[in-house]
Protein backbone atom coordinates (compact mmCIF):
# COMPACT_ATOMS: atom_id res chain seq x y z
CA MET A 1 -25.51 19.54 -16.49
CA ASN A 2 -25.89 16.14 -18.12
CA GLN A 3 -27.34 13.88 -15.41
CA SER A 4 -25.41 10.80 -16.65
CA ASN A 5 -22.09 12.59 -16.13
CA ASP A 6 -22.93 13.76 -12.61
CA ILE A 7 -20.86 11.49 -10.34
CA ARG A 8 -23.44 11.81 -7.55
CA SER A 9 -26.05 10.12 -9.74
CA ARG A 10 -23.92 7.07 -10.57
CA PRO A 11 -24.63 3.87 -8.65
CA ARG A 12 -21.83 2.29 -6.63
CA TYR A 13 -20.80 -1.32 -6.90
CA ALA A 14 -21.67 -2.84 -3.54
CA GLY A 15 -18.73 -2.88 -1.18
CA LEU A 16 -16.12 -1.85 -3.73
CA GLY A 17 -16.43 1.92 -3.76
CA PHE A 18 -15.95 2.11 -7.54
CA TRP A 19 -18.36 4.32 -9.46
CA ALA A 20 -20.27 2.87 -12.38
CA GLY A 21 -18.89 4.36 -15.54
CA HIS A 22 -15.24 3.79 -14.68
CA ASN A 23 -13.43 1.28 -16.84
CA ILE A 24 -13.30 -1.25 -14.02
CA ALA A 25 -15.59 -4.21 -14.42
CA VAL A 26 -16.41 -6.24 -11.32
CA GLY A 27 -16.01 -9.48 -13.28
CA GLN A 28 -12.37 -8.62 -14.03
CA GLN A 29 -11.47 -8.28 -10.38
CA HIS A 30 -10.38 -11.05 -8.09
CA ARG A 31 -11.41 -11.03 -4.44
CA MET A 32 -8.89 -12.54 -2.07
CA SER A 33 -10.29 -11.77 1.40
CA GLU A 34 -7.25 -10.15 3.00
CA GLU A 35 -4.81 -12.63 1.45
CA HIS A 36 -2.98 -9.67 -0.08
CA LEU A 37 -1.88 -6.47 1.64
CA LEU A 38 -0.87 -2.95 0.69
CA VAL A 39 1.55 -1.74 3.37
CA LEU A 40 2.28 1.96 3.88
CA CYS A 41 5.59 3.02 5.36
CA THR A 42 7.11 6.50 5.51
CA CYS A 43 10.89 7.00 5.37
CA PRO A 44 13.02 10.03 6.24
CA ASP A 45 14.90 10.12 2.91
CA LYS A 46 15.50 8.35 -0.40
CA GLU A 47 18.46 6.34 0.89
CA VAL A 48 16.44 4.73 3.68
CA ALA A 49 13.48 4.21 1.34
CA GLU A 50 15.72 2.54 -1.27
CA ALA A 51 17.37 0.29 1.32
CA ILE A 52 14.04 -0.87 2.75
CA ALA A 53 12.39 -1.33 -0.67
CA THR A 54 15.31 -3.31 -2.04
CA GLY A 55 15.71 -5.37 1.12
CA LEU A 56 12.04 -6.37 1.21
CA VAL A 57 11.92 -7.42 -2.45
CA GLU A 58 15.27 -9.25 -2.33
CA ALA A 59 14.14 -11.16 0.78
CA GLY A 60 10.87 -12.19 -0.89
CA LEU A 61 8.84 -10.28 1.68
CA ALA A 62 7.34 -7.93 -0.92
CA ALA A 63 6.47 -8.47 -4.57
CA CYS A 64 6.80 -4.78 -5.43
CA VAL A 65 7.55 -1.55 -3.61
CA ASN A 66 6.70 1.86 -5.08
CA ARG A 67 8.64 4.83 -3.74
CA VAL A 68 6.68 8.08 -3.65
CA PRO A 69 8.97 11.06 -2.99
CA GLY A 70 7.99 14.54 -1.95
CA ILE A 71 5.39 13.96 0.75
CA THR A 72 5.12 16.02 3.92
CA SER A 73 3.98 14.42 7.15
CA VAL A 74 2.39 16.54 9.87
CA TYR A 75 2.10 14.88 13.28
CA LYS A 76 2.63 15.28 17.01
CA TRP A 77 5.57 13.53 18.59
CA GLN A 78 6.38 13.91 22.27
CA ASP A 79 3.91 16.82 22.55
CA LYS A 80 5.59 18.76 19.74
CA LEU A 81 4.08 19.48 16.32
CA GLU A 82 6.34 18.10 13.61
CA LYS A 83 6.41 18.65 9.82
CA ASP A 84 8.83 16.46 7.93
CA ALA A 85 9.64 15.82 4.30
CA GLU A 86 9.46 12.07 3.78
CA GLU A 87 9.24 9.39 1.14
CA LEU A 88 6.28 6.99 1.16
CA LEU A 89 6.63 3.30 0.38
CA LEU A 90 3.65 1.44 -1.11
CA ILE A 91 4.46 -2.21 -0.45
CA LYS A 92 2.53 -5.05 -2.09
CA THR A 93 2.77 -8.29 -0.14
CA SER A 94 0.86 -11.35 1.03
CA ALA A 95 -0.66 -11.84 4.47
CA ALA A 96 1.62 -14.87 4.84
CA ALA A 97 4.69 -12.59 4.56
CA TRP A 98 3.38 -9.96 7.00
CA ASP A 99 5.27 -10.99 10.16
CA GLY A 100 8.63 -11.16 8.37
CA LEU A 101 7.97 -7.92 6.49
CA GLU A 102 7.10 -6.01 9.64
CA ALA A 103 10.18 -7.34 11.44
CA GLU A 104 12.46 -6.45 8.51
CA ILE A 105 11.10 -2.89 8.26
CA LYS A 106 11.66 -2.41 12.00
CA ARG A 107 15.20 -3.78 11.66
CA LEU A 108 16.11 -1.48 8.75
CA HIS A 109 14.20 1.66 9.74
CA PRO A 110 15.91 4.46 11.70
CA TYR A 111 12.72 5.76 13.36
CA GLU A 112 11.93 4.77 16.93
CA LEU A 113 8.31 4.21 15.84
CA PRO A 114 8.09 3.71 12.07
CA GLU A 115 4.76 3.95 10.30
CA ILE A 116 3.86 0.41 9.22
CA ILE A 117 0.18 0.15 8.25
CA ALA A 118 -1.34 -2.75 6.34
CA VAL A 119 -4.51 -2.35 4.31
CA PRO A 120 -6.21 -5.45 2.88
CA ILE A 121 -6.44 -5.58 -0.90
CA THR A 122 -10.05 -6.62 -1.38
CA ALA A 123 -10.08 -6.71 -5.18
CA GLY A 124 -7.66 -6.51 -8.08
CA SER A 125 -6.43 -8.15 -11.23
CA HIS A 126 -6.43 -11.92 -10.77
CA GLU A 127 -3.06 -12.23 -12.48
CA TYR A 128 -1.48 -9.44 -10.44
CA LEU A 129 -2.73 -10.81 -7.14
CA ASN A 130 -1.46 -14.28 -8.05
CA TRP A 131 1.92 -12.73 -8.85
CA ILE A 132 2.02 -11.08 -5.41
CA ARG A 133 1.28 -14.42 -3.75
CA GLU A 134 3.88 -16.29 -5.85
CA SER A 135 6.53 -13.60 -5.25
CA THR A 136 6.29 -13.53 -1.46
CA ARG A 137 6.82 -16.07 1.26
C-alpha cells in the first residue's frame, strides 16, 4: 500500500477534522464562532417537510433548507421501540435567527416533541456564510 494514500497516515488540520489531501484549504474557509448554525429536523412526510422548509425560508428564518427523503429513524418513545420513515431537513441559519426558527418549527410541526438540533458551523466558504447571515434575521 502506498503510504501517502493511507488515510491513517495523513495529518489532520487542528480542530477542523479535515484530512490533508482533500481539496479543502484552511485559508479558503471562514471561521465564524457559532454565528452560523446547521439545524437538523426530522419530519413525518414530504408535505410537512415542504411546509416547514418553505415557511422558514419565506419568513427569513433560514437561508436554505435541504430536504433529505428516505431516512429511517429508530428510537424509543413512551417505552416502545419505534421505527419510522421520515424526511430530514438540513437548515442553514444564523444564531440571531435561532429563537424565531425554533418557535416556527414547533408551531408548524405535528410531533409532540420534534427533533430540533443546532450544530455550530465552525468553518465554511466566506461568501456562503455571509449569504446565510444576510438572508436571515
